[in-house]
PDB file of N, CA and C in Angstrom:
ATOM      1  N   MET A   1      92.005 114.626 124.516  1.00  0.00           N
ATOM      2  CA  MET A   1      92.557 113.326 124.159  1.00  0.00           C
ATOM      3  C   MET A   1      93.427 113.537 122.917  1.00  0.00           C
ATOM      4  N   LYS A   2      94.585 112.888 122.918  1.00  0.00           N
ATOM      5  CA  LYS A   2      95.461 112.928 121.744  1.00  0.00           C
ATOM      6  C   LYS A   2      95.435 111.557 121.074  1.00  0.00           C
ATOM      7  N   ALA A   3      95.553 111.584 119.765  1.00  0.00           N
ATOM      8  CA  ALA A   3      95.582 110.336 119.001  1.00  0.00           C
ATOM      9  C   ALA A   3      96.772 110.363 118.050  1.00  0.00           C
ATOM     10  N   LYS A   4      97.442 109.240 117.966  1.00  0.00           N
ATOM     11  CA  LYS A   4      98.480 109.046 116.952  1.00  0.00           C
ATOM     12  C   LYS A   4      97.973 107.960 116.022  1.00  0.00           C
ATOM     13  N   VAL A   5      97.990 108.243 114.736  1.00  0.00           N
ATOM     14  CA  VAL A   5      97.579 107.278 113.723  1.00  0.00           C
ATOM     15  C   VAL A   5      98.826 106.882 112.936  1.00  0.00           C
ATOM     16  N   HIS A   6      99.146 105.602 112.964  1.00  0.00           N
ATOM     17  CA  HIS A   6     100.290 105.065 112.222  1.00  0.00           C
ATOM     18  C   HIS A   6      99.739 104.420 110.951  1.00  0.00           C
ATOM     19  N   VAL A   7     100.150 104.956 109.799  1.00  0.00           N
ATOM     20  CA  VAL A   7      99.671 104.455 108.509  1.00  0.00           C
ATOM     21  C   VAL A   7     100.852 103.830 107.762  1.00  0.00           C
ATOM     22  N   THR A   8     100.678 102.581 107.341  1.00  0.00           N
ATOM     23  CA  THR A   8     101.719 101.881 106.584  1.00  0.00           C
ATOM     24  C   THR A   8     101.082 101.138 105.420  1.00  0.00           C
ATOM     25  N   LEU A   9     101.900 100.871 104.429  1.00  0.00           N
ATOM     26  CA  LEU A   9     101.412 100.066 103.306  1.00  0.00           C
ATOM     27  C   LEU A   9     101.168  98.641 103.781  1.00  0.00           C
ATOM     28  N   LYS A  10     100.138  98.019 103.245  1.00  0.00           N
ATOM     29  CA  LYS A  10      99.858  96.623 103.578  1.00  0.00           C
ATOM     30  C   LYS A  10     100.983  95.735 103.058  1.00  0.00           C
ATOM     31  N   ARG A  11     101.191  94.627 103.750  1.00  0.00           N
ATOM     32  CA  ARG A  11     102.175  93.645 103.275  1.00  0.00           C
ATOM     33  C   ARG A  11     101.753  93.206 101.876  1.00  0.00           C
ATOM     34  N   GLY A  12     102.719  93.065 101.021  1.00  0.00           N
ATOM     35  CA  GLY A  12     102.427  92.658  99.654  1.00  0.00           C
ATOM     36  C   GLY A  12     102.312  93.826  98.694  1.00  0.00           C
ATOM     37  N   VAL A  13     102.129  95.035  99.225  1.00  0.00           N
ATOM     38  CA  VAL A  13     102.087  96.234  98.380  1.00  0.00           C
ATOM     39  C   VAL A  13     103.524  96.726  98.231  1.00  0.00           C
ATOM     40  N   LEU A  14     103.928  96.980  97.001  1.00  0.00           N
ATOM     41  CA  LEU A  14     105.283  97.427  96.712  1.00  0.00           C
ATOM     42  C   LEU A  14     105.593  98.708  97.475  1.00  0.00           C
ATOM     43  N   ASP A  15     106.729  98.749  98.167  1.00  0.00           N
ATOM     44  CA  ASP A  15     107.140  99.891  98.970  1.00  0.00           C
ATOM     45  C   ASP A  15     108.526 100.353  98.510  1.00  0.00           C
ATOM     46  N   PRO A  16     108.605 101.125  97.413  1.00  0.00           N
ATOM     47  CA  PRO A  16     109.913 101.539  96.905  1.00  0.00           C
ATOM     48  C   PRO A  16     110.696 102.413  97.884  1.00  0.00           C
ATOM     49  N   GLN A  17     110.014 103.232  98.682  1.00  0.00           N
ATOM     50  CA  GLN A  17     110.719 104.052  99.665  1.00  0.00           C
ATOM     51  C   GLN A  17     111.325 103.180 100.755  1.00  0.00           C
ATOM     52  N   GLY A  18     110.599 102.173 101.176  1.00  0.00           N
ATOM     53  CA  GLY A  18     111.133 101.236 102.162  1.00  0.00           C
ATOM     54  C   GLY A  18     112.363 100.517 101.630  1.00  0.00           C
ATOM     55  N   LYS A  19     112.316 100.095 100.363  1.00  0.00           N
ATOM     56  CA  LYS A  19     113.473  99.425  99.740  1.00  0.00           C
ATOM     57  C   LYS A  19     114.669 100.365  99.697  1.00  0.00           C
ATOM     58  N   ALA A  20     114.419 101.654  99.351  1.00  0.00           N
ATOM     59  CA  ALA A  20     115.503 102.639  99.289  1.00  0.00           C
ATOM     60  C   ALA A  20     116.110 102.870 100.672  1.00  0.00           C
ATOM     61  N   ILE A  21     115.282 102.898 101.699  1.00  0.00           N
ATOM     62  CA  ILE A  21     115.770 103.070 103.067  1.00  0.00           C
ATOM     63  C   ILE A  21     116.643 101.876 103.461  1.00  0.00           C
ATOM     64  N   ALA A  22     116.161 100.660 103.195  1.00  0.00           N
ATOM     65  CA  ALA A  22     116.924  99.456 103.530  1.00  0.00           C
ATOM     66  C   ALA A  22     118.262  99.455 102.793  1.00  0.00           C
ATOM     67  N   HIS A  23     118.233  99.813 101.511  1.00  0.00           N
ATOM     68  CA  HIS A  23     119.470  99.850 100.715  1.00  0.00           C
ATOM     69  C   HIS A  23     120.449 100.875 101.291  1.00  0.00           C
ATOM     70  N   ALA A  24     119.950 102.067 101.627  1.00  0.00           N
ATOM     71  CA  ALA A  24     120.813 103.112 102.179  1.00  0.00           C
ATOM     72  C   ALA A  24     121.422 102.677 103.518  1.00  0.00           C
ATOM     73  N   LEU A  25     120.624 102.028 104.356  1.00  0.00           N
ATOM     74  CA  LEU A  25     121.148 101.543 105.634  1.00  0.00           C
ATOM     75  C   LEU A  25     122.225 100.485 105.428  1.00  0.00           C
ATOM     76  N   HIS A  26     122.016  99.598 104.456  1.00  0.00           N
ATOM     77  CA  HIS A  26     123.040  98.593 104.146  1.00  0.00           C
ATOM     78  C   HIS A  26     124.320  99.270 103.673  1.00  0.00           C
ATOM     79  N   THR A  27     124.172 100.310 102.833  1.00  0.00           N
ATOM     80  CA  THR A  27     125.324 101.053 102.320  1.00  0.00           C
ATOM     81  C   THR A  27     126.114 101.692 103.466  1.00  0.00           C
ATOM     82  N   LEU A  28     125.404 102.097 104.515  1.00  0.00           N
ATOM     83  CA  LEU A  28     126.048 102.712 105.678  1.00  0.00           C
ATOM     84  C   LEU A  28     126.602 101.676 106.661  1.00  0.00           C
ATOM     85  N   GLY A  29     126.460 100.406 106.322  1.00  0.00           N
ATOM     86  CA  GLY A  29     127.035  99.353 107.153  1.00  0.00           C
ATOM     87  C   GLY A  29     126.065  98.709 108.132  1.00  0.00           C
ATOM     88  N   PHE A  30     124.799  99.053 108.064  1.00  0.00           N
ATOM     89  CA  PHE A  30     123.805  98.450 108.959  1.00  0.00           C
ATOM     90  C   PHE A  30     123.232  97.188 108.308  1.00  0.00           C
ATOM     91  N   ASP A  31     124.076  96.151 108.236  1.00  0.00           N
ATOM     92  CA  ASP A  31     123.711  94.920 107.547  1.00  0.00           C
ATOM     93  C   ASP A  31     122.659  94.092 108.277  1.00  0.00           C
ATOM     94  N   GLN A  32     122.400  94.401 109.544  1.00  0.00           N
ATOM     95  CA  GLN A  32     121.406  93.644 110.306  1.00  0.00           C
ATOM     96  C   GLN A  32     119.973  93.978 109.897  1.00  0.00           C
ATOM     97  N   VAL A  33     119.768  95.021 109.081  1.00  0.00           N
ATOM     98  CA  VAL A  33     118.418  95.384 108.630  1.00  0.00           C
ATOM     99  C   VAL A  33     117.974  94.387 107.559  1.00  0.00           C
ATOM    100  N   ALA A  34     116.917  93.640 107.845  1.00  0.00           N
ATOM    101  CA  ALA A  34     116.405  92.648 106.898  1.00  0.00           C
ATOM    102  C   ALA A  34     115.404  93.278 105.929  1.00  0.00           C
ATOM    103  N   ASP A  35     114.629  94.258 106.408  1.00  0.00           N
ATOM    104  CA  ASP A  35     113.599  94.883 105.574  1.00  0.00           C
ATOM    105  C   ASP A  35     113.238  96.213 106.210  1.00  0.00           C
ATOM    106  N   ALA A  36     112.726  97.117 105.420  1.00  0.00           N
ATOM    107  CA  ALA A  36     112.253  98.407 105.935  1.00  0.00           C
ATOM    108  C   ALA A  36     110.931  98.734 105.250  1.00  0.00           C
ATOM    109  N   ARG A  37     110.019  99.264 106.026  1.00  0.00           N
ATOM    110  CA  ARG A  37     108.727  99.709 105.505  1.00  0.00           C
ATOM    111  C   ARG A  37     108.575 101.172 105.891  1.00  0.00           C
ATOM    112  N   GLN A  38     108.176 101.983 104.959  1.00  0.00           N
ATOM    113  CA  GLN A  38     108.017 103.402 105.205  1.00  0.00           C
ATOM    114  C   GLN A  38     106.545 103.704 105.427  1.00  0.00           C
ATOM    115  N   GLY A  39     106.247 104.627 106.317  1.00  0.00           N
ATOM    116  CA  GLY A  39     104.861 104.997 106.585  1.00  0.00           C
ATOM    117  C   GLY A  39     104.778 106.426 107.061  1.00  0.00           C
ATOM    118  N   LYS A  40     103.671 106.743 107.708  1.00  0.00           N
ATOM    119  CA  LYS A  40     103.506 108.099 108.225  1.00  0.00           C
ATOM    120  C   LYS A  40     102.788 108.033 109.571  1.00  0.00           C
ATOM    121  N   VAL A  41     103.017 109.045 110.373  1.00  0.00           N
ATOM    122  CA  VAL A  41     102.351 109.189 111.661  1.00  0.00           C
ATOM    123  C   VAL A  41     101.596 110.513 111.631  1.00  0.00           C
ATOM    124  N   ILE A  42     100.330 110.456 111.980  1.00  0.00           N
ATOM    125  CA  ILE A  42      99.485 111.649 112.030  1.00  0.00           C
ATOM    126  C   ILE A  42      99.068 111.840 113.481  1.00  0.00           C
ATOM    127  N   GLU A  43      99.371 112.997 114.042  1.00  0.00           N
ATOM    128  CA  GLU A  43      99.004 113.291 115.418  1.00  0.00           C
ATOM    129  C   GLU A  43      97.791 114.210 115.425  1.00  0.00           C
ATOM    130  N   LEU A  44      96.787 113.845 116.212  1.00  0.00           N
ATOM    131  CA  LEU A  44      95.552 114.615 116.292  1.00  0.00           C
ATOM    132  C   LEU A  44      95.248 114.941 117.749  1.00  0.00           C
ATOM    133  N   GLU A  45      94.704 116.109 117.978  1.00  0.00           N
ATOM    134  CA  GLU A  45      94.172 116.432 119.288  1.00  0.00           C
ATOM    135  C   GLU A  45      92.658 116.433 119.139  1.00  0.00           C
ATOM    136  N   ILE A  46      92.007 115.578 119.906  1.00  0.00           N
ATOM    137  CA  ILE A  46      90.572 115.353 119.791  1.00  0.00           C
ATOM    138  C   ILE A  46      89.862 115.981 120.994  1.00  0.00           C
ATOM    139  N   ARG A  47      88.807 116.742 120.725  1.00  0.00           N
ATOM    140  CA  ARG A  47      87.994 117.294 121.810  1.00  0.00           C
ATOM    141  C   ARG A  47      86.998 116.246 122.264  1.00  0.00           C
ATOM    142  N   GLU A  48      87.500 115.283 122.998  1.00  0.00           N
ATOM    143  CA  GLU A  48      86.666 114.175 123.478  1.00  0.00           C
ATOM    144  C   GLU A  48      87.361 113.569 124.691  1.00  0.00           C
ATOM    145  N   SER A  49      86.639 113.382 125.780  1.00  0.00           N
ATOM    146  CA  SER A  49      87.243 112.793 126.974  1.00  0.00           C
ATOM    147  C   SER A  49      86.977 111.294 127.085  1.00  0.00           C
ATOM    148  N   ASP A  50      85.994 110.796 126.361  1.00  0.00           N
ATOM    149  CA  ASP A  50      85.661 109.374 126.384  1.00  0.00           C
ATOM    150  C   ASP A  50      86.508 108.637 125.354  1.00  0.00           C
ATOM    151  N   ALA A  51      87.309 107.678 125.807  1.00  0.00           N
ATOM    152  CA  ALA A  51      88.233 106.967 124.922  1.00  0.00           C
ATOM    153  C   ALA A  51      87.513 106.189 123.825  1.00  0.00           C
ATOM    154  N   VAL A  52      86.388 105.595 124.149  1.00  0.00           N
ATOM    155  CA  VAL A  52      85.640 104.814 123.148  1.00  0.00           C
ATOM    156  C   VAL A  52      85.126 105.732 122.042  1.00  0.00           C
ATOM    157  N   ALA A  53      84.572 106.873 122.428  1.00  0.00           N
ATOM    158  CA  ALA A  53      84.065 107.828 121.434  1.00  0.00           C
ATOM    159  C   ALA A  53      85.203 108.423 120.618  1.00  0.00           C
ATOM    160  N   ALA A  54      86.331 108.710 121.268  1.00  0.00           N
ATOM    161  CA  ALA A  54      87.484 109.260 120.557  1.00  0.00           C
ATOM    162  C   ALA A  54      88.009 108.265 119.527  1.00  0.00           C
ATOM    163  N   LYS A  55      88.125 106.998 119.931  1.00  0.00           N
ATOM    164  CA  LYS A  55      88.627 105.987 118.993  1.00  0.00           C
ATOM    165  C   LYS A  55      87.665 105.811 117.820  1.00  0.00           C
ATOM    166  N   ALA A  56      86.373 105.832 118.082  1.00  0.00           N
ATOM    167  CA  ALA A  56      85.386 105.708 116.999  1.00  0.00           C
ATOM    168  C   ALA A  56      85.503 106.879 116.030  1.00  0.00           C
ATOM    169  N   ALA A  57      85.715 108.077 116.559  1.00  0.00           N
ATOM    170  CA  ALA A  57      85.859 109.252 115.695  1.00  0.00           C
ATOM    171  C   ALA A  57      87.114 109.148 114.837  1.00  0.00           C
ATOM    172  N   VAL A  58      88.217 108.718 115.441  1.00  0.00           N
ATOM    173  CA  VAL A  58      89.466 108.594 114.687  1.00  0.00           C
ATOM    174  C   VAL A  58      89.360 107.469 113.656  1.00  0.00           C
ATOM    175  N   GLU A  59      88.683 106.380 113.992  1.00  0.00           N
ATOM    176  CA  GLU A  59      88.445 105.300 113.015  1.00  0.00           C
ATOM    177  C   GLU A  59      87.719 105.855 111.786  1.00  0.00           C
ATOM    178  N   ALA A  60      86.690 106.671 112.033  1.00  0.00           N
ATOM    179  CA  ALA A  60      85.934 107.269 110.925  1.00  0.00           C
ATOM    180  C   ALA A  60      86.825 108.184 110.088  1.00  0.00           C
ATOM    181  N   MET A  61      87.704 108.931 110.751  1.00  0.00           N
ATOM    182  CA  MET A  61      88.634 109.811 110.031  1.00  0.00           C
ATOM    183  C   MET A  61      89.590 109.003 109.166  1.00  0.00           C
ATOM    184  N   CYS A  62      90.046 107.881 109.695  1.00  0.00           N
ATOM    185  CA  CYS A  62      90.980 107.029 108.950  1.00  0.00           C
ATOM    186  C   CYS A  62      90.332 106.480 107.683  1.00  0.00           C
ATOM    187  N   THR A  63      89.126 105.969 107.819  1.00  0.00           N
ATOM    188  CA  THR A  63      88.481 105.368 106.649  1.00  0.00           C
ATOM    189  C   THR A  63      88.006 106.418 105.655  1.00  0.00           C
ATOM    190  N   ALA A  64      87.736 107.640 106.134  1.00  0.00           N
ATOM    191  CA  ALA A  64      87.261 108.694 105.233  1.00  0.00           C
ATOM    192  C   ALA A  64      88.400 109.433 104.541  1.00  0.00           C
ATOM    193  N   LEU A  65      89.547 109.578 105.219  1.00  0.00           N
ATOM    194  CA  LEU A  65      90.580 110.450 104.661  1.00  0.00           C
ATOM    195  C   LEU A  65      92.013 110.020 104.934  1.00  0.00           C
ATOM    196  N   LEU A  66      92.325 109.644 106.155  1.00  0.00           N
ATOM    197  CA  LEU A  66      93.723 109.506 106.563  1.00  0.00           C
ATOM    198  C   LEU A  66      94.442 108.300 105.988  1.00  0.00           C
ATOM    199  N   ALA A  67      93.721 107.251 105.656  1.00  0.00           N
ATOM    200  CA  ALA A  67      94.350 106.045 105.103  1.00  0.00           C
ATOM    201  C   ALA A  67      93.570 105.566 103.887  1.00  0.00           C
ATOM    202  N   ASN A  68      94.302 105.117 102.894  1.00  0.00           N
ATOM    203  CA  ASN A  68      93.685 104.458 101.743  1.00  0.00           C
ATOM    204  C   ASN A  68      93.592 102.983 102.115  1.00  0.00           C
ATOM    205  N   THR A  69      92.442 102.577 102.617  1.00  0.00           N
ATOM    206  CA  THR A  69      92.315 101.234 103.196  1.00  0.00           C
ATOM    207  C   THR A  69      92.439 100.106 102.173  1.00  0.00           C
ATOM    208  N   VAL A  70      92.481 100.435 100.907  1.00  0.00           N
ATOM    209  CA  VAL A  70      92.707  99.409  99.880  1.00  0.00           C
ATOM    210  C   VAL A  70      94.153  98.933  99.938  1.00  0.00           C
ATOM    211  N   ILE A  71      95.082  99.866 100.154  1.00  0.00           N
ATOM    212  CA  ILE A  71      96.508  99.516 100.137  1.00  0.00           C
ATOM    213  C   ILE A  71      97.239  99.827 101.442  1.00  0.00           C
ATOM    214  N   GLU A  72      96.560 100.463 102.410  1.00  0.00           N
ATOM    215  CA  GLU A  72      97.223 100.850 103.648  1.00  0.00           C
ATOM    216  C   GLU A  72      96.514 100.277 104.879  1.00  0.00           C
ATOM    217  N   ASP A  73      97.312  99.961 105.880  1.00  0.00           N
ATOM    218  CA  ASP A  73      96.809  99.604 107.200  1.00  0.00           C
ATOM    219  C   ASP A  73      97.024 100.798 108.111  1.00  0.00           C
ATOM    220  N   TYR A  74      96.257 100.861 109.189  1.00  0.00           N
ATOM    221  CA  TYR A  74      96.476 101.922 110.167  1.00  0.00           C
ATOM    222  C   TYR A  74      96.282 101.363 111.567  1.00  0.00           C
ATOM    223  N   ALA A  75      96.966 102.002 112.505  1.00  0.00           N
ATOM    224  CA  ALA A  75      96.838 101.663 113.926  1.00  0.00           C
ATOM    225  C   ALA A  75      96.647 102.960 114.682  1.00  0.00           C
ATOM    226  N   ILE A  76      95.741 102.943 115.662  1.00  0.00           N
ATOM    227  CA  ILE A  76      95.417 104.133 116.434  1.00  0.00           C
ATOM    228  C   ILE A  76      95.938 103.960 117.853  1.00  0.00           C
ATOM    229  N   GLU A  77      96.628 104.989 118.326  1.00  0.00           N
ATOM    230  CA  GLU A  77      97.134 105.023 119.699  1.00  0.00           C
ATOM    231  C   GLU A  77      96.522 106.247 120.377  1.00  0.00           C
ATOM    232  N   LEU A  78      95.755 106.040 121.428  1.00  0.00           N
ATOM    233  CA  LEU A  78      95.134 107.148 122.170  1.00  0.00           C
ATOM    234  C   LEU A  78      95.927 107.440 123.436  1.00  0.00           C
ATOM    235  N   VAL A  79      96.084 108.727 123.728  1.00  0.00           N
ATOM    236  CA  VAL A  79      96.797 109.170 124.922  1.00  0.00           C
ATOM    237  C   VAL A  79      95.966 110.263 125.576  1.00  0.00           C
ATOM    238  N   ASP A  80      95.741 110.135 126.860  1.00  0.00           N
ATOM    239  CA  ASP A  80      95.022 111.164 127.599  1.00  0.00           C
ATOM    240  C   ASP A  80      95.890 112.420 127.634  1.00  0.00           C
ATOM    241  N   ALA A  81      95.397 113.529 127.095  1.00  0.00           N
ATOM    242  CA  ALA A  81      96.178 114.764 126.991  1.00  0.00           C
ATOM    243  C   ALA A  81      96.481 115.362 128.363  1.00  0.00           C
ATOM    244  N   ARG A  82      95.765 114.954 129.383  1.00  0.00           N
ATOM    245  CA  ARG A  82      95.998 115.503 130.726  1.00  0.00           C
ATOM    246  C   ARG A  82      97.215 114.888 131.403  1.00  0.00           C
ATOM    247  N   GLY A  83      97.774 113.867 130.751  1.00  0.00           N
ATOM    248  CA  GLY A  83      98.974 113.256 131.332  1.00  0.00           C
ATOM    249  C   GLY A  83      98.672 112.057 132.042  1.00  0.00           C
TER     250      GLY A  83
END
């Protein structure tokens, strides 16, 4: 099983990198961008075939290490590695 974890700053937390990205896009003429938020994607390969168990394991990883849950939100996307 493969997992993608999307980690972003919570709304209301200052995101200077997101502001810089939005500013740079505006400078390049992409005026339709109203806001930008910067985050990270962590890809994991999990030795688990049960989706419920895999998601529980990744949830534990997120709260223990992958996300600072005080200031960050995370979303987990599971994909069966067999296709």
